Amino acid sequence: MLSIANCKGGTGKSTTAVNLAADLALDGYRVLVVDLDPQGHAGLGFGLAAELGAGTAHAPLTGRRTDLAAAIQRSAPDGIDLLPADRSFDGQIAGHDIGCLATALAPLKAAYDLMLLDVPPAAAALTVCALMASDGVIVPTTLDPLGLEGVRQFARSYHGLMLRHGAAAMGLAVAPMRIDLRTTVEREVLGQLRLHFGPGQMVRGVRTDVAVSEAFARRMPVRRHRARTRAVEDFRGLAADVVHRFAVAEADPLPVAPGRIEGFVRVPWG
């Protein structure tokens, strides 16, 4: 189980969750996306939202007893399952139980190779619950000074939380988003990230590509919107790095679909 989180907003967390899940599913992984952002952006990225009166990913945090398995929705074109968000969730954790999400998701683990938790930036208590349920965290970031400081702040908080609660997390992976290395600032920030976190905690990122925002507007992963773009190539590389970084078990092989893109292209910052 991996959280996709950052204390700074606008870094591409939901975009990463949607497109990383789609690429992992392409490789045969059984993936569940858990949409913990009350805005429901990960769900919207698949064209899905919670139905009236149905269970949501936030139910365990509010103390409601809900059959989470029954609340799961399917994005059939992408081979992805989604646990949708409760758009009325106010950020309050019932009983202050930071292990409530881990307990609620535990029965679902056997059905999936990987769960991806899309975590909102401005809900500290919810973030703690998500991190305590996870084996590691992917930190998307933009390559600007504020993005750099946000990653540093998040990393300090993450490691402090793990230490304080004696959790044995597998660590974090920093994923640069919307990369344009033609600018001096982005090259400098990328260099500082590499210096601060080292190659072991950096994974390949995703270059600026208008197809990503177009795909989100059409409520689908970018590879379903336009299969041959540089963003699709980059998300292939990111998926491969995540599997390696977090030692995700190899998926059962699936038949190759017509038009499937095999492998990935190594991009300049890898």
C-alpha atoms as a PDB file:
ATOM      1  CA  MET A   1       0.000   0.000   0.000  1.00  0.00           C
ATOM      2  CA  LEU A   2       1.488   3.343  -1.086  1.00  0.00           C
ATOM      3  CA  SER A   3       0.370   6.864  -0.247  1.00  0.00           C
ATOM      4  CA  ILE A   4       0.714   9.595  -2.858  1.00  0.00           C
ATOM      5  CA  ALA A   5       1.144  12.668  -0.712  1.00  0.00           C
ATOM      6  CA  ASN A   6       2.712  16.088  -0.273  1.00  0.00           C
ATOM      7  CA  CYS A   7       1.928  18.882   2.181  1.00  0.00           C
ATOM      8  CA  LYS A   8       1.912  21.329  -0.764  1.00  0.00           C
ATOM      9  CA  GLY A   9      -1.050  21.508  -3.120  1.00  0.00           C
ATOM     10  CA  GLY A  10      -0.909  21.586  -6.903  1.00  0.00           C
ATOM     11  CA  THR A  11       1.925  19.092  -7.302  1.00  0.00           C
ATOM     12  CA  GLY A  12       0.060  16.479  -9.346  1.00  0.00           C
ATOM     13  CA  LYS A  13      -0.917  13.931  -6.696  1.00  0.00           C
ATOM     14  CA  SER A  14      -4.246  12.930  -8.230  1.00  0.00           C
ATOM     15  CA  THR A  15      -2.772  12.975 -11.732  1.00  0.00           C
ATOM     16  CA  THR A  16      -0.027  10.661 -10.512  1.00  0.00           C
ATOM     17  CA  ALA A  17      -2.509   8.339  -8.790  1.00  0.00           C
ATOM     18  CA  VAL A  18      -4.707   8.014 -11.882  1.00  0.00           C
ATOM     19  CA  ASN A  19      -1.978   7.531 -14.465  1.00  0.00           C
ATOM     20  CA  LEU A  20       0.338   5.408 -12.337  1.00  0.00           C
ATOM     21  CA  ALA A  21      -2.582   3.084 -11.571  1.00  0.00           C
ATOM     22  CA  ALA A  22      -3.452   2.840 -15.263  1.00  0.00           C
ATOM     23  CA  ASP A  23       0.113   1.885 -16.172  1.00  0.00           C
ATOM     24  CA  LEU A  24       0.411  -0.695 -13.407  1.00  0.00           C
ATOM     25  CA  ALA A  25      -2.893  -2.244 -14.503  1.00  0.00           C
ATOM     26  CA  LEU A  26      -1.541  -2.422 -18.051  1.00  0.00           C
ATOM     27  CA  ASP A  27       1.250  -4.616 -16.682  1.00  0.00           C
ATOM     28  CA  GLY A  28      -1.250  -6.963 -15.063  1.00  0.00           C
ATOM     29  CA  TYR A  29      -1.253  -5.605 -11.516  1.00  0.00           C
ATOM     30  CA  ARG A  30      -4.512  -5.659  -9.585  1.00  0.00           C
ATOM     31  CA  VAL A  31      -4.725  -2.034  -8.406  1.00  0.00           C
ATOM     32  CA  LEU A  32      -7.115  -0.269  -6.040  1.00  0.00           C
ATOM     33  CA  VAL A  33      -7.086   3.533  -5.963  1.00  0.00           C
ATOM     34  CA  VAL A  34      -8.302   4.900  -2.616  1.00  0.00           C
ATOM     35  CA  ASP A  35      -9.511   8.471  -3.124  1.00  0.00           C
ATOM     36  CA  LEU A  36      -8.945  10.266   0.176  1.00  0.00           C
ATOM     37  CA  ASP A  37      -9.216  13.783  -1.233  1.00  0.00           C
ATOM     38  CA  PRO A  38     -12.710  15.174  -0.492  1.00  0.00           C
ATOM     39  CA  GLN A  39     -12.569  16.911  -3.864  1.00  0.00           C
ATOM     40  CA  GLY A  40     -12.690  13.448  -5.417  1.00  0.00           C
ATOM     41  CA  HIS A  41     -10.159  14.228  -8.126  1.00  0.00           C
ATOM     42  CA  ALA A  42      -8.779  10.685  -8.449  1.00  0.00           C
ATOM     43  CA  GLY A  43     -12.300   9.419  -9.012  1.00  0.00           C
ATOM     44  CA  LEU A  44     -12.972  12.141 -11.553  1.00  0.00           C
ATOM     45  CA  GLY A  45      -9.814  11.089 -13.369  1.00  0.00           C
ATOM     46  CA  PHE A  46     -11.591   7.791 -14.103  1.00  0.00           C
ATOM     47  CA  GLY A  47     -15.039   9.326 -14.539  1.00  0.00           C
ATOM     48  CA  LEU A  48     -16.249   7.848 -11.239  1.00  0.00           C
ATOM     49  CA  ALA A  49     -17.813   9.290  -8.079  1.00  0.00           C
ATOM     50  CA  ALA A  50     -19.536   7.946  -4.974  1.00  0.00           C
ATOM     51  CA  GLU A  51     -23.201   7.139  -5.382  1.00  0.00           C
ATOM     52  CA  LEU A  52     -25.729   8.688  -3.027  1.00  0.00           C
ATOM     53  CA  GLY A  53     -25.868   6.704   0.217  1.00  0.00           C
ATOM     54  CA  ALA A  54     -23.038   4.374  -0.805  1.00  0.00           C
ATOM     55  CA  GLY A  55     -19.859   3.753   1.171  1.00  0.00           C
ATOM     56  CA  THR A  56     -16.735   5.813   0.612  1.00  0.00           C
ATOM     57  CA  ALA A  57     -13.017   5.806   1.414  1.00  0.00           C
ATOM     58  CA  HIS A  58     -13.685   8.270   4.240  1.00  0.00           C
ATOM     59  CA  ALA A  59     -16.166   6.072   6.122  1.00  0.00           C
ATOM     60  CA  PRO A  60     -13.521   4.521   8.449  1.00  0.00           C
ATOM     61  CA  LEU A  61     -12.271   8.001   9.347  1.00  0.00           C
ATOM     62  CA  THR A  62     -15.717   9.157  10.427  1.00  0.00           C
ATOM     63  CA  GLY A  63     -16.385   6.085  12.547  1.00  0.00           C
ATOM     64  CA  ARG A  64     -19.099   4.718  10.259  1.00  0.00           C
ATOM     65  CA  ARG A  65     -19.185   0.972   9.773  1.00  0.00           C
ATOM     66  CA  THR A  66     -19.220   0.395   6.047  1.00  0.00           C
ATOM     67  CA  ASP A  67     -18.562  -2.560   3.804  1.00  0.00           C
ATOM     68  CA  LEU A  68     -15.703  -1.027   1.831  1.00  0.00           C
ATOM     69  CA  ALA A  69     -15.657  -3.927  -0.616  1.00  0.00           C
ATOM     70  CA  ALA A  70     -19.244  -3.110  -1.603  1.00  0.00           C
ATOM     71  CA  ALA A  71     -18.301   0.553  -2.131  1.00  0.00           C
ATOM     72  CA  ILE A  72     -15.609  -0.209  -4.724  1.00  0.00           C
ATOM     73  CA  GLN A  73     -16.321   0.935  -8.275  1.00  0.00           C
ATOM     74  CA  ARG A  74     -14.729  -0.391 -11.459  1.00  0.00           C
ATOM     75  CA  SER A  75     -13.177   1.550 -14.319  1.00  0.00           C
ATOM     76  CA  ALA A  76     -13.491  -1.271 -16.836  1.00  0.00           C
ATOM     77  CA  PRO A  77     -11.591   0.399 -19.717  1.00  0.00           C
ATOM     78  CA  ASP A  78      -8.557   0.848 -17.453  1.00  0.00           C
ATOM     79  CA  GLY A  79      -8.803  -2.321 -15.375  1.00  0.00           C
ATOM     80  CA  ILE A  80      -8.786  -0.239 -12.187  1.00  0.00           C
ATOM     81  CA  ASP A  81     -10.853  -0.437  -9.003  1.00  0.00           C
ATOM     82  CA  LEU A  82     -11.643   2.770  -7.109  1.00  0.00           C
ATOM     83  CA  LEU A  83     -12.802   3.443  -3.571  1.00  0.00           C
ATOM     84  CA  PRO A  84     -14.444   6.854  -4.063  1.00  0.00           C
ATOM     85  CA  ALA A  85     -14.213   9.918  -1.847  1.00  0.00           C
ATOM     86  CA  ASP A  86     -16.851  11.425   0.396  1.00  0.00           C
ATOM     87  CA  ARG A  87     -17.109  15.009  -0.833  1.00  0.00           C
ATOM     88  CA  SER A  88     -18.684  16.106   2.438  1.00  0.00           C
ATOM     89  CA  PHE A  89     -15.771  14.877   4.572  1.00  0.00           C
ATOM     90  CA  ASP A  90     -14.655  17.707   6.883  1.00  0.00           C
ATOM     91  CA  GLY A  91     -11.224  16.386   7.860  1.00  0.00           C
ATOM     92  CA  GLN A  92     -12.179  15.336  11.381  1.00  0.00           C
ATOM     93  CA  ILE A  93     -11.038  11.858  12.477  1.00  0.00           C
ATOM     94  CA  ALA A  94     -13.501  10.105  14.806  1.00  0.00           C
ATOM     95  CA  GLY A  95     -11.906   8.912  18.040  1.00  0.00           C
ATOM     96  CA  HIS A  96      -8.473  10.200  16.947  1.00  0.00           C
ATOM     97  CA  ASP A  97      -7.551   6.639  15.953  1.00  0.00           C
ATOM     98  CA  ILE A  98      -4.641   6.975  13.512  1.00  0.00           C
ATOM     99  CA  GLY A  99      -4.839   3.248  12.755  1.00  0.00           C
ATOM    100  CA  CYS A 100      -8.486   3.287  11.660  1.00  0.00           C
ATOM    101  CA  LEU A 101      -7.739   3.420   7.923  1.00  0.00           C
ATOM    102  CA  ALA A 102      -5.156   0.642   8.103  1.00  0.00           C
ATOM    103  CA  THR A 103      -7.632  -1.560   9.964  1.00  0.00           C
ATOM    104  CA  ALA A 104     -10.439  -0.872   7.484  1.00  0.00           C
ATOM    105  CA  LEU A 105      -8.331  -1.511   4.375  1.00  0.00           C
ATOM    106  CA  ALA A 106      -6.618  -4.651   5.689  1.00  0.00           C
ATOM    107  CA  PRO A 107      -9.398  -7.065   4.549  1.00  0.00           C
ATOM    108  CA  LEU A 108      -9.065  -5.757   0.966  1.00  0.00           C
ATOM    109  CA  LYS A 109      -5.336  -6.424   0.651  1.00  0.00           C
ATOM    110  CA  ALA A 110      -5.662 -10.016  -0.504  1.00  0.00           C
ATOM    111  CA  ALA A 111      -7.627  -8.927  -3.587  1.00  0.00           C
ATOM    112  CA  TYR A 112      -4.969  -6.494  -4.843  1.00  0.00           C
ATOM    113  CA  ASP A 113      -1.288  -6.380  -5.700  1.00  0.00           C
ATOM    114  CA  LEU A 114      -1.141  -2.708  -4.800  1.00  0.00           C
ATOM    115  CA  MET A 115      -3.298   0.012  -3.274  1.00  0.00           C
ATOM    116  CA  LEU A 116      -2.609   3.659  -4.103  1.00  0.00           C
ATOM    117  CA  LEU A 117      -3.911   6.227  -1.606  1.00  0.00           C
ATOM    118  CA  ASP A 118      -4.487   9.715  -3.055  1.00  0.00           C
ATOM    119  CA  VAL A 119      -3.951  11.992  -0.034  1.00  0.00           C
ATOM    120  CA  PRO A 120      -5.083  15.666   0.104  1.00  0.00           C
ATOM    121  CA  PRO A 121      -2.496  18.304   1.071  1.00  0.00           C
ATOM    122  CA  ALA A 122      -4.389  20.234   3.723  1.00  0.00           C
ATOM    123  CA  ALA A 123      -5.640  17.540   6.114  1.00  0.00           C
ATOM    124  CA  ALA A 124      -2.894  16.692   8.598  1.00  0.00           C
ATOM    125  CA  ALA A 125      -4.841  14.091  10.584  1.00  0.00           C
ATOM    126  CA  LEU A 126      -5.982  12.300   7.437  1.00  0.00           C
ATOM    127  CA  THR A 127      -2.416  12.296   6.097  1.00  0.00           C
ATOM    128  CA  VAL A 128      -1.188  10.654   9.295  1.00  0.00           C
ATOM    129  CA  CYS A 129      -3.854   7.936   8.977  1.00  0.00           C
ATOM    130  CA  ALA A 130      -2.885   7.315   5.346  1.00  0.00           C
ATOM    131  CA  LEU A 131       0.836   7.130   6.092  1.00  0.00           C
ATOM    132  CA  MET A 132       0.281   4.760   9.015  1.00  0.00           C
ATOM    133  CA  ALA A 133      -1.635   2.472   6.654  1.00  0.00           C
ATOM    134  CA  SER A 134       1.073   2.552   3.976  1.00  0.00           C
ATOM    135  CA  ASP A 135       4.303   0.731   3.271  1.00  0.00           C
ATOM    136  CA  GLY A 136       5.792   3.819   1.658  1.00  0.00           C
ATOM    137  CA  VAL A 137       4.977   7.145   0.053  1.00  0.00           C
ATOM    138  CA  ILE A 138       5.374   8.705  -3.388  1.00  0.00           C
ATOM    139  CA  VAL A 139       5.891  12.478  -3.218  1.00  0.00           C
ATOM    140  CA  PRO A 140       5.051  14.276  -6.472  1.00  0.00           C
ATOM    141  CA  THR A 141       6.595  17.732  -6.691  1.00  0.00           C
ATOM    142  CA  THR A 142       6.991  20.642  -9.047  1.00  0.00           C
ATOM    143  CA  LEU A 143      10.536  21.829  -9.759  1.00  0.00           C
ATOM    144  CA  ASP A 144      10.424  25.265  -8.174  1.00  0.00           C
ATOM    145  CA  PRO A 145      11.777  26.641  -4.860  1.00  0.00           C
ATOM    146  CA  LEU A 146       8.419  26.293  -3.078  1.00  0.00           C
ATOM    147  CA  GLY A 147       8.096  22.733  -4.342  1.00  0.00           C
ATOM    148  CA  LEU A 148      11.586  21.922  -3.072  1.00  0.00           C
ATOM    149  CA  GLU A 149      10.810  23.309   0.375  1.00  0.00           C
ATOM    150  CA  GLY A 150       7.503  21.427   0.424  1.00  0.00           C
ATOM    151  CA  VAL A 151       9.240  18.108  -0.249  1.00  0.00           C
ATOM    152  CA  ARG A 152      11.845  18.771   2.442  1.00  0.00           C
ATOM    153  CA  GLN A 153       9.144  19.671   4.955  1.00  0.00           C
ATOM    154  CA  PHE A 154       7.094  16.610   4.076  1.00  0.00           C
ATOM    155  CA  ALA A 155      10.106  14.290   4.303  1.00  0.00           C
ATOM    156  CA  ARG A 156      10.963  15.603   7.780  1.00  0.00           C
ATOM    157  CA  SER A 157       7.382  15.105   8.951  1.00  0.00           C
ATOM    158  CA  TYR A 158       7.157  11.649   7.392  1.00  0.00           C
ATOM    159  CA  HIS A 159      10.330  10.292   8.944  1.00  0.00           C
ATOM    160  CA  GLY A 160       9.427  11.884  12.288  1.00  0.00           C
ATOM    161  CA  LEU A 161       6.024  10.201  12.215  1.00  0.00           C
ATOM    162  CA  MET A 162       7.498   6.801  11.396  1.00  0.00           C
ATOM    163  CA  LEU A 163      10.058   7.153  14.184  1.00  0.00           C
ATOM    164  CA  ARG A 164       7.509   8.367  16.726  1.00  0.00           C
ATOM    165  CA  HIS A 165       5.166   5.442  16.143  1.00  0.00           C
ATOM    166  CA  GLY A 166       7.795   2.783  15.536  1.00  0.00           C
ATOM    167  CA  ALA A 167       6.481   2.094  12.041  1.00  0.00           C
ATOM    168  CA  ALA A 168       8.669   0.152   9.612  1.00  0.00           C
ATOM    169  CA  ALA A 169       7.872   2.005   6.386  1.00  0.00           C
ATOM    170  CA  MET A 170       9.797   1.266   3.204  1.00  0.00           C
ATOM    171  CA  GLY A 171      10.594   4.943   2.730  1.00  0.00           C
ATOM    172  CA  LEU A 172       9.677   7.541   0.180  1.00  0.00           C
ATOM    173  CA  ALA A 173      10.203   8.262  -3.495  1.00  0.00           C
ATOM    174  CA  VAL A 174      10.259  11.789  -4.925  1.00  0.00           C
ATOM    175  CA  ALA A 175       8.657  12.140  -8.375  1.00  0.00           C
ATOM    176  CA  PRO A 176       9.156  15.439 -10.279  1.00  0.00           C
ATOM    177  CA  MET A 177       6.060  16.542 -12.198  1.00  0.00           C
ATOM    178  CA  ARG A 178       5.474  18.946 -15.117  1.00  0.00           C
ATOM    179  CA  ILE A 179       9.186  19.003 -15.893  1.00  0.00           C
ATOM    180  CA  ASP A 180      10.618  21.562 -18.298  1.00  0.00           C
ATOM    181  CA  LEU A 181      14.406  21.466 -18.030  1.00  0.00           C
ATOM    182  CA  ARG A 182      14.793  24.365 -20.437  1.00  0.00           C
ATOM    183  CA  THR A 183      14.501  26.674 -17.423  1.00  0.00           C
ATOM    184  CA  THR A 184      17.491  27.326 -15.173  1.00  0.00           C
ATOM    185  CA  VAL A 185      15.371  27.240 -12.004  1.00  0.00           C
ATOM    186  CA  GLU A 186      14.035  23.755 -12.738  1.00  0.00           C
ATOM    187  CA  ARG A 187      17.508  22.403 -13.462  1.00  0.00           C
ATOM    188  CA  GLU A 188      18.789  23.885 -10.199  1.00  0.00           C
ATOM    189  CA  VAL A 189      15.890  22.515  -8.146  1.00  0.00           C
ATOM    190  CA  LEU A 190      16.242  19.065  -9.702  1.00  0.00           C
ATOM    191  CA  GLY A 191      19.945  19.125  -8.814  1.00  0.00           C
ATOM    192  CA  GLN A 192      19.145  20.062  -5.207  1.00  0.00           C
ATOM    193  CA  LEU A 193      16.564  17.288  -4.956  1.00  0.00           C
ATOM    194  CA  ARG A 194      19.088  14.749  -6.223  1.00  0.00           C
ATOM    195  CA  LEU A 195      21.715  16.064  -3.795  1.00  0.00           C
ATOM    196  CA  HIS A 196      19.335  16.035  -0.813  1.00  0.00           C
ATOM    197  CA  PHE A 197      17.587  12.708  -1.417  1.00  0.00           C
ATOM    198  CA  GLY A 198      20.117  10.774  -3.483  1.00  0.00           C
ATOM    199  CA  PRO A 199      19.406   8.385  -6.362  1.00  0.00           C
ATOM    200  CA  GLY A 200      17.754   5.837  -4.059  1.00  0.00           C
ATOM    201  CA  GLN A 201      14.842   8.159  -3.266  1.00  0.00           C
ATOM    202  CA  MET A 202      14.388   9.794  -6.674  1.00  0.00           C
ATOM    203  CA  VAL A 203      12.226   8.221  -9.356  1.00  0.00           C
ATOM    204  CA  ARG A 204      11.665   9.345 -12.914  1.00  0.00           C
ATOM    205  CA  GLY A 205       9.131  12.084 -13.353  1.00  0.00           C
ATOM    206  CA  VAL A 206       6.788  13.398 -16.012  1.00  0.00           C
ATOM    207  CA  ARG A 207       7.505  16.169 -18.497  1.00  0.00           C
ATOM    208  CA  THR A 208       5.071  18.965 -19.229  1.00  0.00           C
ATOM    209  CA  ASP A 209       2.465  17.653 -21.667  1.00  0.00           C
ATOM    210  CA  VAL A 210      -0.875  19.254 -22.515  1.00  0.00           C
ATOM    211  CA  ALA A 211      -2.304  15.765 -23.088  1.00  0.00           C
ATOM    212  CA  VAL A 212      -2.324  15.201 -19.298  1.00  0.00           C
ATOM    213  CA  SER A 213      -4.738  18.071 -18.594  1.00  0.00           C
ATOM    214  CA  GLU A 214      -6.772  17.208 -21.691  1.00  0.00           C
ATOM    215  CA  ALA A 215      -7.174  13.643 -20.436  1.00  0.00           C
ATOM    216  CA  PHE A 216      -8.246  14.762 -16.975  1.00  0.00           C
ATOM    217  CA  ALA A 217     -10.829  17.079 -18.508  1.00  0.00           C
ATOM    218  CA  ARG A 218     -12.208  14.057 -20.362  1.00  0.00           C
ATOM    219  CA  ARG A 219     -12.212  11.967 -17.158  1.00  0.00           C
ATOM    220  CA  MET A 220      -9.691   9.357 -18.250  1.00  0.00           C
ATOM    221  CA  PRO A 221      -5.998   8.455 -17.900  1.00  0.00           C
ATOM    222  CA  VAL A 222      -3.732  10.030 -20.476  1.00  0.00           C
ATOM    223  CA  ARG A 223      -2.933   6.719 -22.183  1.00  0.00           C
ATOM    224  CA  ARG A 224      -6.628   6.180 -22.917  1.00  0.00           C
ATOM    225  CA  HIS A 225      -6.962   9.731 -24.245  1.00  0.00           C
ATOM    226  CA  ARG A 226      -3.803   9.793 -26.397  1.00  0.00           C
ATOM    227  CA  ALA A 227      -1.686   6.667 -26.278  1.00  0.00           C
ATOM    228  CA  ARG A 228       1.352   8.111 -28.037  1.00  0.00           C
ATOM    229  CA  THR A 229       2.532  11.121 -26.070  1.00  0.00           C
ATOM    230  CA  ARG A 230       5.624  11.801 -24.007  1.00  0.00           C
ATOM    231  CA  ALA A 231       3.535  11.768 -20.816  1.00  0.00           C
ATOM    232  CA  VAL A 232       2.551   8.154 -21.547  1.00  0.00           C
ATOM    233  CA  GLU A 233       6.224   7.286 -22.013  1.00  0.00           C
ATOM    234  CA  ASP A 234       7.103   9.058 -18.774  1.00  0.00           C
ATOM    235  CA  PHE A 235       4.397   7.377 -16.703  1.00  0.00           C
ATOM    236  CA  ARG A 236       5.697   4.028 -18.007  1.00  0.00           C
ATOM    237  CA  GLY A 237       9.093   4.915 -16.606  1.00  0.00           C
ATOM    238  CA  LEU A 238       7.605   6.095 -13.318  1.00  0.00           C
ATOM    239  CA  ALA A 239       5.613   2.866 -12.939  1.00  0.00           C
ATOM    240  CA  ALA A 240       8.733   0.784 -13.535  1.00  0.00           C
ATOM    241  CA  ASP A 241      10.670   2.791 -10.950  1.00  0.00           C
ATOM    242  CA  VAL A 242       7.889   2.474  -8.357  1.00  0.00           C
ATOM    243  CA  VAL A 243       7.768  -1.304  -8.800  1.00  0.00           C
ATOM    244  CA  HIS A 244      11.533  -1.467  -8.302  1.00  0.00           C
ATOM    245  CA  ARG A 245      11.755   1.101  -5.472  1.00  0.00           C
ATOM    246  CA  PHE A 246       9.047  -0.514  -3.350  1.00  0.00           C
ATOM    247  CA  ALA A 247       9.748  -4.132  -4.347  1.00  0.00           C
ATOM    248  CA  VAL A 248       6.217  -4.669  -5.682  1.00  0.00           C
ATOM    249  CA  ALA A 249       5.787  -8.356  -6.471  1.00  0.00           C
ATOM    250  CA  GLU A 250       5.721  -9.286 -10.141  1.00  0.00           C
ATOM    251  CA  ALA A 251       2.234  -9.356 -11.627  1.00  0.00           C
ATOM    252  CA  ASP A 252       0.735 -12.349 -13.382  1.00  0.00           C
ATOM    253  CA  PRO A 253       1.260 -11.916 -17.135  1.00  0.00           C
ATOM    254  CA  LEU A 254      -1.701 -10.771 -19.212  1.00  0.00           C
ATOM    255  CA  PRO A 255      -2.223 -11.115 -22.971  1.00  0.00           C
ATOM    256  CA  VAL A 256      -0.803  -8.174 -24.900  1.00  0.00           C
ATOM    257  CA  ALA A 257      -3.628  -5.993 -26.161  1.00  0.00           C
ATOM    258  CA  PRO A 258      -3.552  -4.522 -29.691  1.00  0.00           C
ATOM    259  CA  GLY A 259      -1.664  -1.249 -29.715  1.00  0.00           C
ATOM    260  CA  ARG A 260      -0.107  -1.833 -26.318  1.00  0.00           C
ATOM    261  CA  ILE A 261       3.110   0.082 -25.795  1.00  0.00           C
ATOM    262  CA  GLU A 262       5.817  -2.286 -24.604  1.00  0.00           C
ATOM    263  CA  GLY A 263       8.516  -1.065 -22.258  1.00  0.00           C
ATOM    264  CA  PHE A 264       9.236   2.605 -21.741  1.00  0.00           C
ATOM    265  CA  VAL A 265      11.555   5.287 -22.979  1.00  0.00           C
ATOM    266  CA  ARG A 266      14.251   6.474 -20.586  1.00  0.00           C
ATOM    267  CA  VAL A 267      13.994  10.221 -20.313  1.00  0.00           C
ATOM    268  CA  PRO A 268      16.871  12.661 -19.783  1.00  0.00           C
ATOM    269  CA  TRP A 269      16.532  13.160 -16.014  1.00  0.00           C
ATOM    270  CA  GLY A 270      16.529   9.399 -15.200  1.00  0.00           C
END
